[in-house]
Amino acid sequence: MGRGNNDIKPFIVMDVLERAQSLERRGISIVHLEIGEPDFPTPKCIVDSGIAALNAGKTHYTDSRGILELRTAVAAYSNGRYGTTITGEQVLVTMGTSPALLLVLSTLIDEAGTEIILGNPYYPCYPNFIRYLNGTPRFIDTREEDGFQLKPGDVERAIGPRTKAILVNSPSNPTGTVMPRKDLEAICNLGVPVISDEIYHGLVYGEKEHSSLEFTRNTFVLNGFSKLFAMTGWRLGYIIAPKERVRRLQILLQNIFISPTAFVQHAGVTALSNEVPEIDEMRKQYDARRRYLLDALPGIGLATAVEPKGAFYFFVGAGHINGNSYELAFDILEKAGVAITPGIDFGSRGEGHLRISYANSLEQIAEGMRRLERYLENCGGTP
């Protein structure tokens, strides 16, 4: 299937993390601002639910689509947030959102050269998955003044006879920006299936995010529990798909994954069906960190053109320091002890930028800013 591993490029953020961990083993202090993983523990009621499910013997295969209770909970949760009318029959549970994307793309890419439209910069796995399945990423160079979000006119001009879907991500990784409602609605009305990666929904500050489900039935929504519920290691996600596409996705699930992990699904039901006070507290702390960086980053010469209002990222211009973001990120790591992701990890339009994650404590973020300021004052010298 596809062209195999030769077309999959390294995930550079993991190279940064692994080098940072190597330095830490040597006793060097590192401030981690590279990884997009919540620094909070999974809320207690969710953990307790998983333990209870294990103790109750929920350790066997389930329906390949996921247990009915979770599919129903996903539908109710989505309908409550967006005013939609989806049913549990449109939901398929997956082992995280990345497998969900791989499954959806597998149903859409039916021959070599099939095009999937996406913005540049992008989350690194997107084009890797498309190429792995023998498809072709059709990149649109997005603009910094638009928050690097797709614009409907650009998307419409890119649609061609080989186009099978448009891939959108809002709030965005790597930029943290949120697509305006009018733009998402217009893209959803272009007559092409939309794949909407909504894994950062719920982590928005000062405005409301919108789902493609609000504007079209011809959409595949990808979401999960990793970010909002701090459940990265649980590996739990889901697809909301058009009814006519569910059976094909189910067949792939049966063959590739058999079924999602049983006890983890019961924890997911608890996450969606109960008030989880820790979520509001996490969101407040993320926003406090975001507001701190809104002030701190321009003060040391690292600014954004558009305020990031979602996820937990800043995508700052750094070309005036070093146009090679890979070289710059690793130099900062070695000399300042701050781990940051180079913009080139997110495509050619990411070059000259750095992604800074604020999924770390305010104290650690402040220390990271102090180290970065000393690094820049010394023109890259040892702090």
Protein backbone atom coordinates (compact mmCIF):
# COMPACT_ATOMS: atom_id res chain seq x y z
CA MET A 1 0.00 0.00 0.00
CA GLY A 2 1.44 3.33 -1.05
CA ARG A 3 5.08 4.18 -1.50
CA GLY A 4 6.13 3.09 1.96
CA ASN A 5 8.52 4.55 4.44
CA ASN A 6 10.84 6.28 1.97
CA ASP A 7 8.43 9.22 1.65
CA ILE A 8 8.00 9.73 5.39
CA LYS A 9 10.18 12.54 6.72
CA PRO A 10 11.47 12.82 10.29
CA PHE A 11 9.26 14.45 12.90
CA ILE A 12 11.82 17.05 13.94
CA VAL A 13 10.16 17.94 17.24
CA MET A 14 10.96 14.41 18.38
CA ASP A 15 14.60 14.91 17.38
CA VAL A 16 14.62 18.06 19.53
CA LEU A 17 13.03 16.21 22.46
CA GLU A 18 15.44 13.30 22.22
CA ARG A 19 18.47 15.61 22.11
CA ALA A 20 17.06 17.57 25.08
CA GLN A 21 16.63 14.34 27.04
CA SER A 22 20.21 13.37 26.20
CA LEU A 23 21.45 16.68 27.61
CA GLU A 24 19.32 16.19 30.74
CA ARG A 25 20.94 12.80 31.33
CA ARG A 26 24.23 14.68 31.49
CA GLY A 27 22.84 16.91 34.22
CA ILE A 28 22.08 19.93 32.01
CA SER A 29 18.93 21.89 32.87
CA ILE A 30 16.47 22.10 29.95
CA VAL A 31 13.27 24.13 29.69
CA HIS A 32 10.85 22.20 27.49
CA LEU A 33 8.87 24.44 25.16
CA GLU A 34 8.87 22.02 22.21
CA ILE A 35 6.28 19.33 22.89
CA GLY A 36 2.56 19.81 22.35
CA GLU A 37 1.53 17.65 25.27
CA PRO A 38 -0.50 18.86 28.27
CA ASP A 39 1.64 19.08 31.39
CA PHE A 40 -1.38 18.32 33.56
CA PRO A 41 -2.39 14.86 34.82
CA THR A 42 -5.52 13.22 33.47
CA PRO A 43 -8.45 14.32 35.69
CA LYS A 44 -9.06 11.96 38.60
CA CYS A 45 -12.64 11.00 37.68
CA ILE A 46 -11.41 9.80 34.28
CA VAL A 47 -8.55 7.80 35.80
CA ASP A 48 -10.91 6.27 38.35
CA SER A 49 -13.29 5.29 35.57
CA GLY A 50 -10.51 3.53 33.67
CA ILE A 51 -9.44 1.64 36.80
CA ALA A 52 -13.04 0.65 37.52
CA ALA A 53 -13.42 -0.64 33.97
CA LEU A 54 -10.27 -2.74 34.35
CA ASN A 55 -11.50 -4.13 37.66
CA ALA A 56 -14.84 -4.92 36.03
CA GLY A 57 -13.13 -7.01 33.37
CA LYS A 58 -13.45 -4.58 30.47
CA THR A 59 -10.37 -6.11 28.83
CA HIS A 60 -11.80 -7.83 25.75
CA TYR A 61 -12.51 -6.93 22.14
CA THR A 62 -15.31 -4.45 21.56
CA ASP A 63 -17.35 -3.52 18.51
CA SER A 64 -14.79 -2.45 15.90
CA ARG A 65 -16.43 0.99 15.79
CA GLY A 66 -16.14 1.38 19.57
CA ILE A 67 -18.60 0.72 22.36
CA LEU A 68 -22.08 2.11 21.81
CA GLU A 69 -21.94 4.13 25.05
CA LEU A 70 -18.92 6.09 23.83
CA ARG A 71 -20.23 6.60 20.31
CA THR A 72 -23.48 7.90 21.78
CA ALA A 73 -21.55 10.16 24.19
CA VAL A 74 -19.48 11.60 21.33
CA ALA A 75 -22.63 12.40 19.37
CA ALA A 76 -24.31 14.04 22.36
CA TYR A 77 -21.18 16.03 23.20
CA SER A 78 -20.82 17.29 19.62
CA ASN A 79 -24.51 18.14 19.29
CA GLY A 80 -24.40 20.04 22.56
CA ARG A 81 -21.37 22.10 21.51
CA TYR A 82 -22.31 22.85 17.91
CA GLY A 83 -26.10 22.50 17.67
CA THR A 84 -25.82 19.62 15.20
CA THR A 85 -27.90 16.45 14.89
CA ILE A 86 -25.36 13.69 14.35
CA THR A 87 -26.00 10.19 15.71
CA GLY A 88 -23.80 7.57 17.29
CA GLU A 89 -24.00 5.63 14.01
CA GLN A 90 -21.76 8.29 12.45
CA VAL A 91 -19.04 7.86 15.08
CA LEU A 92 -16.06 5.50 14.90
CA VAL A 93 -13.67 5.28 17.84
CA THR A 94 -9.93 5.08 17.13
CA MET A 95 -6.64 4.72 19.00
CA GLY A 96 -5.90 8.43 18.85
CA THR A 97 -6.52 11.05 16.19
CA SER A 98 -3.57 10.16 13.96
CA PRO A 99 -5.01 6.69 13.18
CA ALA A 100 -8.33 8.45 12.53
CA LEU A 101 -6.67 10.63 9.89
CA LEU A 102 -4.91 7.65 8.32
CA LEU A 103 -8.21 5.77 8.05
CA VAL A 104 -10.07 8.70 6.51
CA LEU A 105 -7.33 9.35 3.97
CA SER A 106 -7.29 5.64 3.12
CA THR A 107 -10.95 5.82 2.10
CA LEU A 108 -10.44 8.94 -0.03
CA ILE A 109 -7.15 8.28 -1.83
CA ASP A 110 -8.14 5.72 -4.42
CA GLU A 111 -5.38 6.13 -7.01
CA ALA A 112 -1.92 7.59 -7.44
CA GLY A 113 -2.01 11.35 -7.74
CA THR A 114 -5.22 11.85 -5.78
CA GLU A 115 -4.92 15.35 -4.32
CA ILE A 116 -5.67 16.50 -0.79
CA ILE A 117 -5.62 20.29 -0.34
CA LEU A 118 -3.93 21.63 2.79
CA GLY A 119 -2.26 24.78 3.99
CA ASN A 120 1.49 25.36 4.30
CA PRO A 121 2.65 25.47 7.14
CA TYR A 122 1.00 22.28 8.34
CA TYR A 123 1.11 19.59 11.00
CA PRO A 124 3.98 17.34 9.80
CA CYS A 125 2.00 14.08 9.72
CA TYR A 126 -0.49 15.41 7.16
CA PRO A 127 1.64 15.22 3.99
CA ASN A 128 3.49 12.15 5.29
CA PHE A 129 0.23 10.21 5.53
CA ILE A 130 -0.97 11.45 2.13
CA ARG A 131 2.26 10.43 0.40
CA TYR A 132 2.37 7.11 2.24
CA LEU A 133 -1.02 6.30 0.66
CA ASN A 134 0.27 7.32 -2.80
CA GLY A 135 -1.67 10.57 -2.79
CA THR A 136 -0.39 14.06 -3.52
CA PRO A 137 -0.49 16.94 -1.04
CA ARG A 138 -1.75 20.06 -2.83
CA PHE A 139 -0.21 22.80 -0.75
CA ILE A 140 -1.56 26.32 -0.48
CA ASP A 141 0.97 28.85 0.77
CA THR A 142 -0.92 30.62 3.54
CA ARG A 143 -0.05 34.13 4.70
CA GLU A 144 1.27 35.22 8.06
CA GLU A 145 -1.13 38.18 8.18
CA ASP A 146 -4.00 35.64 7.94
CA GLY A 147 -2.61 33.63 10.85
CA PHE A 148 -1.43 31.05 8.31
CA GLN A 149 -5.05 29.89 7.93
CA LEU A 150 -6.58 28.82 4.62
CA LYS A 151 -8.67 31.42 2.78
CA PRO A 152 -11.69 30.28 0.76
CA GLY A 153 -10.65 32.00 -2.48
CA ASP A 154 -7.25 30.32 -2.46
CA VAL A 155 -8.84 26.95 -1.77
CA GLU A 156 -11.38 27.34 -4.56
CA ARG A 157 -8.63 28.14 -7.07
CA ALA A 158 -6.68 25.05 -6.00
CA ILE A 159 -9.56 22.61 -6.56
CA GLY A 160 -9.01 20.42 -9.61
CA PRO A 161 -10.16 17.13 -11.16
CA ARG A 162 -7.97 15.09 -8.80
CA THR A 163 -9.07 16.87 -5.60
CA LYS A 164 -10.68 14.49 -3.11
CA ALA A 165 -10.71 16.56 0.09
CA ILE A 166 -9.70 19.77 1.83
CA LEU A 167 -7.86 19.34 5.14
CA VAL A 168 -8.38 22.07 7.73
CA ASN A 169 -7.01 22.47 11.25
CA SER A 170 -8.47 25.06 13.63
CA PRO A 171 -7.25 25.85 16.24
CA SER A 172 -4.02 25.22 14.40
CA ASN A 173 -0.84 23.38 15.10
CA PRO A 174 1.71 25.02 14.75
CA THR A 175 0.26 28.53 14.87
CA GLY A 176 -2.41 28.43 17.57
CA THR A 177 -4.67 30.57 15.38
CA VAL A 178 -8.41 30.03 14.93
CA MET A 179 -10.10 30.09 11.51
CA PRO A 180 -12.87 32.71 11.28
CA ARG A 181 -16.36 31.23 11.08
CA LYS A 182 -17.08 32.82 7.69
CA ASP A 183 -13.96 31.26 6.17
CA LEU A 184 -14.69 27.78 7.50
CA GLU A 185 -18.29 28.02 6.31
CA ALA A 186 -17.20 29.14 2.84
CA ILE A 187 -14.66 26.31 2.54
CA CYS A 188 -17.30 23.79 3.62
CA ASN A 189 -19.59 25.05 0.82
CA LEU A 190 -17.10 24.51 -2.02
CA GLY A 191 -18.57 21.07 -2.84
CA VAL A 192 -15.50 19.07 -1.80
CA PRO A 193 -15.30 16.79 1.26
CA VAL A 194 -13.69 18.49 4.25
CA ILE A 195 -11.42 16.73 6.73
CA SER A 196 -11.52 18.85 9.88
CA ASP A 197 -8.87 18.19 12.52
CA GLU A 198 -10.52 19.51 15.67
CA ILE A 199 -8.20 18.00 18.29
CA TYR A 200 -7.64 21.43 19.92
CA HIS A 201 -11.34 22.27 20.23
CA GLY A 202 -12.14 23.35 23.77
CA LEU A 203 -8.75 25.04 24.13
CA VAL A 204 -9.78 28.45 22.81
CA TYR A 205 -9.41 31.75 24.62
CA GLY A 206 -11.67 34.76 24.14
CA GLU A 207 -13.68 33.47 21.21
CA LYS A 208 -15.57 30.39 20.03
CA GLU A 209 -14.27 27.77 17.64
CA HIS A 210 -16.58 26.30 15.00
CA SER A 211 -16.87 22.77 13.65
CA SER A 212 -17.27 21.83 10.00
CA LEU A 213 -20.29 19.82 11.19
CA GLU A 214 -22.17 23.10 11.50
CA PHE A 215 -21.89 23.86 7.80
CA THR A 216 -21.86 20.61 5.82
CA ARG A 217 -22.69 16.93 6.04
CA ASN A 218 -19.85 16.19 3.64
CA THR A 219 -17.20 16.26 6.32
CA PHE A 220 -14.98 13.98 8.37
CA VAL A 221 -14.33 15.39 11.82
CA LEU A 222 -11.26 14.14 13.68
CA ASN A 223 -11.07 14.66 17.42
CA GLY A 224 -9.94 12.94 20.57
CA PHE A 225 -9.09 13.18 24.23
CA SER A 226 -5.36 13.91 24.19
CA LYS A 227 -5.33 17.69 24.41
CA LEU A 228 -8.49 18.92 26.16
CA PHE A 229 -8.63 16.04 28.65
CA ALA A 230 -4.84 15.59 29.07
CA MET A 231 -5.05 11.97 27.91
CA THR A 232 -2.19 11.68 25.39
CA GLY A 233 -1.01 8.30 26.66
CA TRP A 234 -4.50 6.80 26.67
CA ARG A 235 -4.57 6.87 22.85
CA LEU A 236 -8.25 7.57 22.30
CA GLY A 237 -9.80 9.47 19.41
CA TYR A 238 -12.73 9.35 17.04
CA ILE A 239 -14.09 10.10 13.59
CA ILE A 240 -17.47 11.64 12.88
CA ALA A 241 -18.22 10.68 9.27
CA PRO A 242 -21.03 10.95 6.71
CA LYS A 243 -23.34 7.96 7.12
CA GLU A 244 -22.54 6.57 3.68
CA ARG A 245 -18.80 6.49 4.52
CA VAL A 246 -19.05 4.67 7.84
CA ARG A 247 -19.09 1.10 6.53
CA ARG A 248 -15.86 1.51 4.57
CA LEU A 249 -14.16 3.02 7.60
CA GLN A 250 -15.48 0.19 9.76
CA ILE A 251 -14.01 -2.42 7.41
CA LEU A 252 -10.60 -0.76 7.64
CA LEU A 253 -10.88 -0.59 11.43
CA GLN A 254 -11.71 -4.31 11.57
CA ASN A 255 -8.70 -5.25 9.46
CA ILE A 256 -6.07 -2.88 10.79
CA PHE A 257 -6.93 -2.31 14.45
CA ILE A 258 -9.58 -4.97 15.33
CA SER A 259 -11.11 -2.65 17.95
CA PRO A 260 -10.17 0.19 20.29
CA THR A 261 -8.91 -0.62 23.81
CA ALA A 262 -11.91 -1.58 25.93
CA PHE A 263 -11.23 -0.01 29.34
CA VAL A 264 -9.94 3.22 27.79
CA GLN A 265 -13.27 3.71 26.02
CA HIS A 266 -15.14 3.60 29.34
CA ALA A 267 -12.85 6.35 30.63
CA GLY A 268 -13.75 8.33 27.52
CA VAL A 269 -17.46 8.03 28.33
CA THR A 270 -16.75 9.55 31.75
CA ALA A 271 -14.76 12.40 30.19
CA LEU A 272 -17.60 13.39 27.87
CA SER A 273 -20.59 12.68 30.10
CA ASN A 274 -19.59 14.38 33.36
CA GLU A 275 -18.62 17.79 34.64
CA VAL A 276 -14.83 17.70 34.90
CA PRO A 277 -13.79 20.78 36.91
CA GLU A 278 -10.10 20.25 36.15
CA ILE A 279 -10.75 21.11 32.49
CA ASP A 280 -11.77 24.69 33.27
CA GLU A 281 -8.76 25.10 35.53
CA MET A 282 -6.41 23.78 32.86
CA ARG A 283 -7.89 26.16 30.31
CA LYS A 284 -7.46 29.11 32.68
CA GLN A 285 -3.82 28.22 33.27
CA TYR A 286 -3.13 27.84 29.56
CA ASP A 287 -4.66 31.26 28.96
CA ALA A 288 -2.55 32.82 31.74
CA ARG A 289 0.57 31.40 30.08
CA ARG A 290 -0.61 32.62 26.69
CA ARG A 291 -1.16 36.14 27.99
CA TYR A 292 2.27 36.12 29.65
CA LEU A 293 3.90 35.22 26.32
CA LEU A 294 1.89 37.83 24.45
CA ASP A 295 3.82 40.40 26.48
CA ALA A 296 7.14 38.60 26.88
CA LEU A 297 7.89 37.43 23.33
CA PRO A 298 7.77 40.83 21.54
CA GLY A 299 10.01 42.20 24.27
CA ILE A 300 12.81 39.86 23.21
CA GLY A 301 12.22 40.26 19.48
CA LEU A 302 10.04 37.20 18.82
CA ALA A 303 6.61 38.31 17.63
CA THR A 304 3.55 36.97 15.84
CA ALA A 305 1.52 38.83 13.23
CA VAL A 306 -1.79 37.43 14.51
CA GLU A 307 -2.60 36.72 18.15
CA PRO A 308 -2.90 32.97 18.76
CA LYS A 309 -6.21 32.29 20.50
CA GLY A 310 -6.26 28.51 20.60
CA ALA A 311 -4.28 25.34 21.34
CA PHE A 312 -1.05 26.08 23.26
CA TYR A 313 1.38 27.41 20.65
CA PHE A 314 3.05 30.57 19.43
CA PHE A 315 4.61 30.55 15.95
CA VAL A 316 7.10 33.40 16.05
CA GLY A 317 9.21 34.99 13.35
CA ALA A 318 12.92 34.34 13.88
CA GLY A 319 14.40 34.83 10.43
CA HIS A 320 16.09 38.03 11.58
CA ILE A 321 18.16 35.92 13.97
CA ASN A 322 18.92 32.99 11.69
CA GLY A 323 17.07 32.06 8.50
CA ASN A 324 17.80 28.39 9.13
CA SER A 325 15.26 27.47 11.81
CA TYR A 326 16.68 23.95 12.28
CA GLU A 327 20.14 25.31 12.98
CA LEU A 328 18.73 28.03 15.23
CA ALA A 329 16.54 25.70 17.31
CA PHE A 330 19.39 23.30 18.03
CA ASP A 331 21.79 26.17 18.77
CA ILE A 332 19.30 27.55 21.30
CA LEU A 333 18.96 24.09 22.82
CA GLU A 334 22.71 23.58 23.17
CA LYS A 335 23.64 27.09 24.32
CA ALA A 336 20.58 28.30 26.20
CA GLY A 337 19.04 25.05 27.41
CA VAL A 338 15.64 25.82 25.87
CA ALA A 339 13.95 23.23 23.67
CA ILE A 340 11.92 24.82 20.83
CA THR A 341 10.63 23.35 17.56
CA PRO A 342 12.09 24.71 14.30
CA GLY A 343 9.53 26.08 11.88
CA ILE A 344 10.84 23.98 9.00
CA ASP A 345 9.24 20.97 10.72
CA PHE A 346 5.91 22.40 9.53
CA GLY A 347 6.77 22.98 5.88
CA SER A 348 8.57 25.47 3.68
CA ARG A 349 6.33 28.34 4.83
CA GLY A 350 7.39 27.60 8.39
CA GLU A 351 11.03 28.35 7.68
CA GLY A 352 12.25 31.43 9.51
CA HIS A 353 9.91 30.67 12.44
CA LEU A 354 9.99 28.83 15.74
CA ARG A 355 7.09 27.07 17.44
CA ILE A 356 6.93 27.71 21.17
CA SER A 357 4.63 25.48 23.22
CA TYR A 358 3.24 26.79 26.49
CA ALA A 359 2.26 23.35 27.75
CA ASN A 360 4.59 23.89 30.69
CA SER A 361 4.32 25.72 33.99
CA LEU A 362 4.37 29.52 34.07
CA GLU A 363 7.55 29.33 36.17
CA GLN A 364 9.30 27.21 33.54
CA ILE A 365 8.05 29.42 30.71
CA ALA A 366 9.39 32.52 32.50
CA GLU A 367 12.75 30.80 32.97
CA GLY A 368 12.75 29.89 29.28
CA MET A 369 12.16 33.52 28.34
CA ARG A 370 15.04 34.66 30.58
CA ARG A 371 17.36 32.17 28.91
CA LEU A 372 16.20 33.15 25.42
CA GLU A 373 16.73 36.82 26.19
CA ARG A 374 20.31 36.15 27.35
CA TYR A 375 20.93 34.03 24.25
CA LEU A 376 19.73 36.80 21.94
CA GLU A 377 21.69 39.45 23.81
CA ASN A 378 24.83 37.37 23.38
CA CYS A 379 24.08 36.82 19.68
CA GLY A 380 23.90 33.11 20.29
CA GLY A 381 26.74 32.91 22.77
CA THR A 382 26.73 30.76 25.88
CA PRO A 383 24.40 32.32 28.51
